[in-house]
PDB file of N, CA and C in Angstrom:
ATOM      1  N   MET A   1     104.535  81.349 113.770  1.00  0.00           N
ATOM      2  CA  MET A   1     103.927  80.755 112.599  1.00  0.00           C
ATOM      3  C   MET A   1     104.622  79.451 112.234  1.00  0.00           C
ATOM      4  N   PHE A   2     105.967  79.487 112.165  1.00  0.00           N
ATOM      5  CA  PHE A   2     106.706  78.273 111.804  1.00  0.00           C
ATOM      6  C   PHE A   2     106.624  77.222 112.908  1.00  0.00           C
ATOM      7  N   GLN A   3     106.486  77.685 114.145  1.00  0.00           N
ATOM      8  CA  GLN A   3     106.357  76.737 115.243  1.00  0.00           C
ATOM      9  C   GLN A   3     105.040  75.961 115.112  1.00  0.00           C
ATOM     10  N   ASN A   4     103.979  76.665 114.750  1.00  0.00           N
ATOM     11  CA  ASN A   4     102.691  75.999 114.542  1.00  0.00           C
ATOM     12  C   ASN A   4     102.781  75.038 113.360  1.00  0.00           C
ATOM     13  N   PHE A   5     103.473  75.433 112.329  1.00  0.00           N
ATOM     14  CA  PHE A   5     103.644  74.568 111.161  1.00  0.00           C
ATOM     15  C   PHE A   5     104.457  73.324 111.514  1.00  0.00           C
ATOM     16  N   GLY A   6     105.478  73.502 112.337  1.00  0.00           N
ATOM     17  CA  GLY A   6     106.294  72.367 112.761  1.00  0.00           C
ATOM     18  C   GLY A   6     105.529  71.398 113.642  1.00  0.00           C
ATOM     19  N   LEU A   7     104.614  71.903 114.452  1.00  0.00           N
ATOM     20  CA  LEU A   7     103.818  71.024 115.309  1.00  0.00           C
ATOM     21  C   LEU A   7     102.857  70.155 114.502  1.00  0.00           C
ATOM     22  N   GLN A   8     102.513  70.565 113.314  1.00  0.00           N
ATOM     23  CA  GLN A   8     101.579  69.785 112.509  1.00  0.00           C
ATOM     24  C   GLN A   8     102.208  68.492 111.993  1.00  0.00           C
ATOM     25  N   ILE A   9     103.536  68.440 111.962  1.00  0.00           N
ATOM     26  CA  ILE A   9     104.211  67.247 111.453  1.00  0.00           C
ATOM     27  C   ILE A   9     104.341  66.194 112.548  1.00  0.00           C
ATOM     28  N   GLY A  10     104.411  66.631 113.798  1.00  0.00           N
ATOM     29  CA  GLY A  10     104.646  65.711 114.909  1.00  0.00           C
ATOM     30  C   GLY A  10     103.382  65.002 115.377  1.00  0.00           C
ATOM     31  N   PRO A  11     103.355  64.651 116.673  1.00  0.00           N
ATOM     32  CA  PRO A  11     102.223  63.877 117.209  1.00  0.00           C
ATOM     33  C   PRO A  11     100.921  64.678 117.274  1.00  0.00           C
ATOM     34  N   GLN A  12     100.987  65.995 117.183  1.00  0.00           N
ATOM     35  CA  GLN A  12      99.762  66.801 117.237  1.00  0.00           C
ATOM     36  C   GLN A  12      99.274  67.115 115.824  1.00  0.00           C
ATOM     37  N   TYR A  13      99.340  66.118 114.985  1.00  0.00           N
ATOM     38  CA  TYR A  13      98.974  66.262 113.579  1.00  0.00           C
ATOM     39  C   TYR A  13      97.480  66.557 113.442  1.00  0.00           C
ATOM     40  N   ASP A  14      97.168  67.546 112.629  1.00  0.00           N
ATOM     41  CA  ASP A  14      95.773  67.909 112.375  1.00  0.00           C
ATOM     42  C   ASP A  14      95.523  67.814 110.873  1.00  0.00           C
ATOM     43  N   PRO A  15      94.792  66.810 110.418  1.00  0.00           N
ATOM     44  CA  PRO A  15      94.590  66.669 108.971  1.00  0.00           C
ATOM     45  C   PRO A  15      93.824  67.835 108.361  1.00  0.00           C
ATOM     46  N   LEU A  16      93.009  68.512 109.163  1.00  0.00           N
ATOM     47  CA  LEU A  16      92.266  69.646 108.632  1.00  0.00           C
ATOM     48  C   LEU A  16      93.207  70.778 108.221  1.00  0.00           C
ATOM     49  N   PHE A  17      94.353  70.889 108.926  1.00  0.00           N
ATOM     50  CA  PHE A  17      95.332  71.918 108.586  1.00  0.00           C
ATOM     51  C   PHE A  17      95.797  71.740 107.146  1.00  0.00           C
ATOM     52  N   TYR A  18      96.141  70.522 106.763  1.00  0.00           N
ATOM     53  CA  TYR A  18      96.623  70.276 105.407  1.00  0.00           C
ATOM     54  C   TYR A  18      95.505  70.435 104.385  1.00  0.00           C
ATOM     55  N   ASP A  19      94.293  70.035 104.739  1.00  0.00           N
ATOM     56  CA  ASP A  19      93.173  70.217 103.823  1.00  0.00           C
ATOM     57  C   ASP A  19      92.960  71.694 103.505  1.00  0.00           C
ATOM     58  N   VAL A  20      92.989  72.515 104.550  1.00  0.00           N
ATOM     59  CA  VAL A  20      92.790  73.947 104.346  1.00  0.00           C
ATOM     60  C   VAL A  20      93.945  74.536 103.541  1.00  0.00           C
ATOM     61  N   MET A  21      95.167  74.106 103.819  1.00  0.00           N
ATOM     62  CA  MET A  21      96.314  74.619 103.064  1.00  0.00           C
ATOM     63  C   MET A  21      96.211  74.233 101.588  1.00  0.00           C
ATOM     64  N   ILE A  22      95.779  73.012 101.314  1.00  0.00           N
ATOM     65  CA  ILE A  22      95.631  72.581  99.918  1.00  0.00           C
ATOM     66  C   ILE A  22      94.540  73.393  99.233  1.00  0.00           C
ATOM     67  N   TYR A  23      93.449  73.665  99.918  1.00  0.00           N
ATOM     68  CA  TYR A  23      92.382  74.475  99.332  1.00  0.00           C
ATOM     69  C   TYR A  23      92.862  75.890  99.043  1.00  0.00           C
ATOM     70  N   ILE A  24      93.626  76.462  99.965  1.00  0.00           N
ATOM     71  CA  ILE A  24      94.119  77.830  99.766  1.00  0.00           C
ATOM     72  C   ILE A  24      95.078  77.884  98.583  1.00  0.00           C
ATOM     73  N   VAL A  25      96.035  76.963  98.540  1.00  0.00           N
ATOM     74  CA  VAL A  25      97.006  76.951  97.439  1.00  0.00           C
ATOM     75  C   VAL A  25      96.303  76.654  96.116  1.00  0.00           C
ATOM     76  N   GLY A  26      95.359  75.734  96.121  1.00  0.00           N
ATOM     77  CA  GLY A  26      94.620  75.422  94.901  1.00  0.00           C
ATOM     78  C   GLY A  26      93.806  76.599  94.403  1.00  0.00           C
ATOM     79  N   THR A  27      93.201  77.328  95.335  1.00  0.00           N
ATOM     80  CA  THR A  27      92.433  78.511  94.950  1.00  0.00           C
ATOM     81  C   THR A  27      93.336  79.577  94.349  1.00  0.00           C
ATOM     82  N   MET A  28      94.516  79.768  94.935  1.00  0.00           N
ATOM     83  CA  MET A  28      95.447  80.753  94.382  1.00  0.00           C
ATOM     84  C   MET A  28      95.924  80.344  92.991  1.00  0.00           C
ATOM     85  N   LEU A  29      96.239  79.065  92.807  1.00  0.00           N
ATOM     86  CA  LEU A  29      96.671  78.602  91.487  1.00  0.00           C
ATOM     87  C   LEU A  29      95.557  78.750  90.455  1.00  0.00           C
ATOM     88  N   PHE A  30      94.331  78.442  90.842  1.00  0.00           N
ATOM     89  CA  PHE A  30      93.212  78.606  89.919  1.00  0.00           C
ATOM     90  C   PHE A  30      93.002  80.076  89.569  1.00  0.00           C
ATOM     91  N   ALA A  31      93.163  80.969  90.553  1.00  0.00           N
ATOM     92  CA  ALA A  31      93.005  82.401  90.285  1.00  0.00           C
ATOM     93  C   ALA A  31      94.069  82.888  89.311  1.00  0.00           C
ATOM     94  N   VAL A  32      95.306  82.429  89.478  1.00  0.00           N
ATOM     95  CA  VAL A  32      96.375  82.820  88.554  1.00  0.00           C
ATOM     96  C   VAL A  32      96.080  82.294  87.154  1.00  0.00           C
ATOM     97  N   PHE A  33      95.617  81.051  87.063  1.00  0.00           N
ATOM     98  CA  PHE A  33      95.263  80.492  85.758  1.00  0.00           C
ATOM     99  C   PHE A  33      94.126  81.274  85.110  1.00  0.00           C
ATOM    100  N   LEU A  34      93.102  81.600  85.898  1.00  0.00           N
ATOM    101  CA  LEU A  34      91.958  82.320  85.353  1.00  0.00           C
ATOM    102  C   LEU A  34      92.356  83.719  84.887  1.00  0.00           C
ATOM    103  N   LEU A  35      93.165  84.416  85.674  1.00  0.00           N
ATOM    104  CA  LEU A  35      93.614  85.748  85.270  1.00  0.00           C
ATOM    105  C   LEU A  35      94.495  85.694  84.031  1.00  0.00           C
ATOM    106  N   SER A  36      95.338  84.673  83.920  1.00  0.00           N
ATOM    107  CA  SER A  36      96.174  84.566  82.720  1.00  0.00           C
ATOM    108  C   SER A  36      95.330  84.251  81.493  1.00  0.00           C
ATOM    109  N   ALA A  37      94.291  83.430  81.649  1.00  0.00           N
ATOM    110  CA  ALA A  37      93.406  83.142  80.512  1.00  0.00           C
ATOM    111  C   ALA A  37      92.642  84.394  80.090  1.00  0.00           C
ATOM    112  N   ILE A  38      92.172  85.177  81.055  1.00  0.00           N
ATOM    113  CA  ILE A  38      91.460  86.414  80.728  1.00  0.00           C
ATOM    114  C   ILE A  38      92.393  87.410  80.061  1.00  0.00           C
ATOM    115  N   SER A  39      93.618  87.556  80.566  1.00  0.00           N
ATOM    116  CA  SER A  39      94.552  88.507  79.960  1.00  0.00           C
ATOM    117  C   SER A  39      94.954  88.070  78.558  1.00  0.00           C
ATOM    118  N   PHE A  40      95.105  86.762  78.348  1.00  0.00           N
ATOM    119  CA  PHE A  40      95.417  86.274  77.005  1.00  0.00           C
ATOM    120  C   PHE A  40      94.265  86.570  76.055  1.00  0.00           C
ATOM    121  N   TRP A  41      93.039  86.347  76.496  1.00  0.00           N
ATOM    122  CA  TRP A  41      91.867  86.607  75.661  1.00  0.00           C
ATOM    123  C   TRP A  41      91.773  88.095  75.317  1.00  0.00           C
ATOM    124  N   LEU A  42      91.987  88.971  76.310  1.00  0.00           N
ATOM    125  CA  LEU A  42      91.917  90.405  76.051  1.00  0.00           C
ATOM    126  C   LEU A  42      93.032  90.859  75.125  1.00  0.00           C
ATOM    127  N   ARG A  43      94.202  90.239  75.245  1.00  0.00           N
ATOM    128  CA  ARG A  43      95.306  90.623  74.371  1.00  0.00           C
ATOM    129  C   ARG A  43      95.047  90.186  72.938  1.00  0.00           C
ATOM    130  N   ARG A  44      94.438  89.026  72.761  1.00  0.00           N
ATOM    131  CA  ARG A  44      94.170  88.528  71.410  1.00  0.00           C
ATOM    132  C   ARG A  44      92.985  89.231  70.762  1.00  0.00           C
ATOM    133  N   LYS A  45      91.906  89.403  71.510  1.00  0.00           N
ATOM    134  CA  LYS A  45      90.665  89.913  70.925  1.00  0.00           C
ATOM    135  C   LYS A  45      90.442  91.397  71.166  1.00  0.00           C
ATOM    136  N   GLY A  46      91.060  91.963  72.168  1.00  0.00           N
ATOM    137  CA  GLY A  46      90.807  93.358  72.490  1.00  0.00           C
ATOM    138  C   GLY A  46      89.562  93.486  73.351  1.00  0.00           C
ATOM    139  N   LEU A  47      89.380  94.660  73.915  1.00  0.00           N
ATOM    140  CA  LEU A  47      88.271  94.862  74.838  1.00  0.00           C
ATOM    141  C   LEU A  47      86.945  95.007  74.106  1.00  0.00           C
ATOM    142  N   GLY A  48      86.956  95.624  72.921  1.00  0.00           N
ATOM    143  CA  GLY A  48      85.703  95.861  72.210  1.00  0.00           C
ATOM    144  C   GLY A  48      85.505  94.966  71.013  1.00  0.00           C
ATOM    145  N   GLY A  49      86.226  93.905  70.915  1.00  0.00           N
ATOM    146  CA  GLY A  49      86.097  93.032  69.754  1.00  0.00           C
ATOM    147  C   GLY A  49      87.021  93.471  68.627  1.00  0.00           C
ATOM    148  N   GLN A  50      86.957  92.787  67.524  1.00  0.00           N
ATOM    149  CA  GLN A  50      87.885  93.038  66.423  1.00  0.00           C
ATOM    150  C   GLN A  50      87.610  94.373  65.733  1.00  0.00           C
ATOM    151  N   ALA A  51      86.353  94.791  65.605  1.00  0.00           N
ATOM    152  CA  ALA A  51      86.032  96.020  64.879  1.00  0.00           C
ATOM    153  C   ALA A  51      86.620  97.236  65.586  1.00  0.00           C
ATOM    154  N   ALA A  52      86.507  97.278  66.905  1.00  0.00           N
ATOM    155  CA  ALA A  52      87.049  98.414  67.651  1.00  0.00           C
ATOM    156  C   ALA A  52      88.566  98.434  67.557  1.00  0.00           C
ATOM    157  N   LYS A  53      89.193  97.263  67.562  1.00  0.00           N
ATOM    158  CA  LYS A  53      90.647  97.202  67.469  1.00  0.00           C
ATOM    159  C   LYS A  53      91.116  97.688  66.100  1.00  0.00           C
ATOM    160  N   GLU A  54      90.422  97.292  65.041  1.00  0.00           N
ATOM    161  CA  GLU A  54      90.810  97.725  63.698  1.00  0.00           C
ATOM    162  C   GLU A  54      90.615  99.225  63.542  1.00  0.00           C
ATOM    163  N   LYS A  55      89.528  99.762  64.090  1.00  0.00           N
ATOM    164  CA  LYS A  55      89.285 101.199  63.988  1.00  0.00           C
ATOM    165  C   LYS A  55      90.383 101.975  64.706  1.00  0.00           C
ATOM    166  N   TRP A  56      90.790 101.495  65.873  1.00  0.00           N
ATOM    167  CA  TRP A  56      91.837 102.176  66.627  1.00  0.00           C
ATOM    168  C   TRP A  56      93.150 102.179  65.852  1.00  0.00           C
ATOM    169  N   THR A  57      93.493 101.059  65.214  1.00  0.00           N
ATOM    170  CA  THR A  57      94.743 101.011  64.452  1.00  0.00           C
ATOM    171  C   THR A  57      94.664 101.877  63.207  1.00  0.00           C
ATOM    172  N   GLN A  58      93.488 101.981  62.592  1.00  0.00           N
ATOM    173  CA  GLN A  58      93.352 102.855  61.424  1.00  0.00           C
ATOM    174  C   GLN A  58      93.510 104.317  61.816  1.00  0.00           C
ATOM    175  N   GLU A  59      92.927 104.705  62.957  1.00  0.00           N
ATOM    176  CA  GLU A  59      93.088 106.083  63.425  1.00  0.00           C
ATOM    177  C   GLU A  59      94.548 106.372  63.755  1.00  0.00           C
ATOM    178  N   LEU A  60      95.222 105.405  64.347  1.00  0.00           N
ATOM    179  CA  LEU A  60      96.633 105.586  64.668  1.00  0.00           C
ATOM    180  C   LEU A  60      97.471 105.704  63.402  1.00  0.00           C
ATOM    181  N   GLU A  61      97.149 104.911  62.396  1.00  0.00           N
ATOM    182  CA  GLU A  61      97.880 104.976  61.131  1.00  0.00           C
ATOM    183  C   GLU A  61      97.673 106.324  60.445  1.00  0.00           C
ATOM    184  N   LYS A  62      96.452 106.855  60.496  1.00  0.00           N
ATOM    185  CA  LYS A  62      96.193 108.185  59.914  1.00  0.00           C
ATOM    186  C   LYS A  62      97.007 109.256  60.633  1.00  0.00           C
ATOM    187  N   TYR A  63      97.062 109.155  61.959  1.00  0.00           N
ATOM    188  CA  TYR A  63      97.838 110.127  62.736  1.00  0.00           C
ATOM    189  C   TYR A  63      99.319 110.042  62.387  1.00  0.00           C
ATOM    190  N   PHE A  64      99.848 108.823  62.245  1.00  0.00           N
ATOM    191  CA  PHE A  64     101.255 108.668  61.885  1.00  0.00           C
ATOM    192  C   PHE A  64     101.540 109.234  60.502  1.00  0.00           C
ATOM    193  N   GLN A  65     100.616 109.034  59.562  1.00  0.00           N
ATOM    194  CA  GLN A  65     100.809 109.574  58.220  1.00  0.00           C
ATOM    195  C   GLN A  65     100.778 111.096  58.241  1.00  0.00           C
ATOM    196  N   LYS A  66      99.850 111.670  59.019  1.00  0.00           N
ATOM    197  CA  LYS A  66      99.724 113.129  59.075  1.00  0.00           C
ATOM    198  C   LYS A  66     100.962 113.760  59.709  1.00  0.00           C
ATOM    199  N   GLU A  67     101.441 113.172  60.779  1.00  0.00           N
ATOM    200  CA  GLU A  67     102.595 113.723  61.492  1.00  0.00           C
ATOM    201  C   GLU A  67     103.922 113.222  60.939  1.00  0.00           C
ATOM    202  N   GLN A  68     103.880 112.324  59.992  1.00  0.00           N
ATOM    203  CA  GLN A  68     105.063 111.712  59.384  1.00  0.00           C
ATOM    204  C   GLN A  68     105.952 111.058  60.438  1.00  0.00           C
ATOM    205  N   ILE A  69     105.317 110.301  61.306  1.00  0.00           N
ATOM    206  CA  ILE A  69     106.045 109.585  62.348  1.00  0.00           C
ATOM    207  C   ILE A  69     106.401 108.208  61.816  1.00  0.00           C
ATOM    208  N   GLY A  70     107.632 107.812  61.990  1.00  0.00           N
ATOM    209  CA  GLY A  70     108.064 106.488  61.580  1.00  0.00           C
ATOM    210  C   GLY A  70     108.477 106.394  60.132  1.00  0.00           C
ATOM    211  N   LEU A  71     108.471 107.518  59.411  1.00  0.00           N
ATOM    212  CA  LEU A  71     108.883 107.506  58.013  1.00  0.00           C
ATOM    213  C   LEU A  71     110.369 107.835  57.907  1.00  0.00           C
ATOM    214  N   MET A  72     110.945 107.474  56.792  1.00  0.00           N
ATOM    215  CA  MET A  72     112.348 107.811  56.556  1.00  0.00           C
ATOM    216  C   MET A  72     112.448 109.312  56.289  1.00  0.00           C
ATOM    217  N   PRO A  73     113.438 109.994  56.856  1.00  0.00           N
ATOM    218  CA  PRO A  73     113.560 111.437  56.603  1.00  0.00           C
ATOM    219  C   PRO A  73     113.950 111.712  55.150  1.00  0.00           C
ATOM    220  N   ASP A  74     113.418 112.786  54.622  1.00  0.00           N
ATOM    221  CA  ASP A  74     113.758 113.182  53.255  1.00  0.00           C
ATOM    222  C   ASP A  74     114.543 114.484  53.292  1.00  0.00           C
ATOM    223  N   GLU A  75     114.777 115.070  52.108  1.00  0.00           N
ATOM    224  CA  GLU A  75     115.614 116.272  52.057  1.00  0.00           C
ATOM    225  C   GLU A  75     114.903 117.504  52.588  1.00  0.00           C
ATOM    226  N   LYS A  76     113.558 117.508  52.559  1.00  0.00           N
ATOM    227  CA  LYS A  76     112.829 118.703  52.987  1.00  0.00           C
ATOM    228  C   LYS A  76     112.867 118.892  54.498  1.00  0.00           C
ATOM    229  N   HIS A  77     112.888 117.808  55.220  1.00  0.00           N
ATOM    230  CA  HIS A  77     112.832 117.903  56.680  1.00  0.00           C
ATOM    231  C   HIS A  77     114.195 117.549  57.264  1.00  0.00           C
ATOM    232  N   HIS A  78     114.718 118.473  58.034  1.00  0.00           N
ATOM    233  CA  HIS A  78     115.982 118.216  58.738  1.00  0.00           C
ATOM    234  C   HIS A  78     115.704 118.356  60.228  1.00  0.00           C
ATOM    235  N   TRP A  79     115.548 117.221  60.903  1.00  0.00           N
ATOM    236  CA  TRP A  79     115.245 117.268  62.330  1.00  0.00           C
ATOM    237  C   TRP A  79     116.504 117.312  63.126  1.00  0.00           C
TER     238      TRP A  79
END
């Protein structure tokens, strides 16, 4: 592989080799950018929009209140 790469620099230069390499690297960089933009959007907005995200947090808050998770311990409960 490296021998073929080294031959491209010398007298057997093939400009198509560099064109294809630039296209491959550019496609990979664009894919990384696109995936990061999609992940940022999903992290900010959630999968189901704002209403589904708020409902999920309200259900979680009700569960925490019922189970007393995350509250300061009082005298009645000794864990």
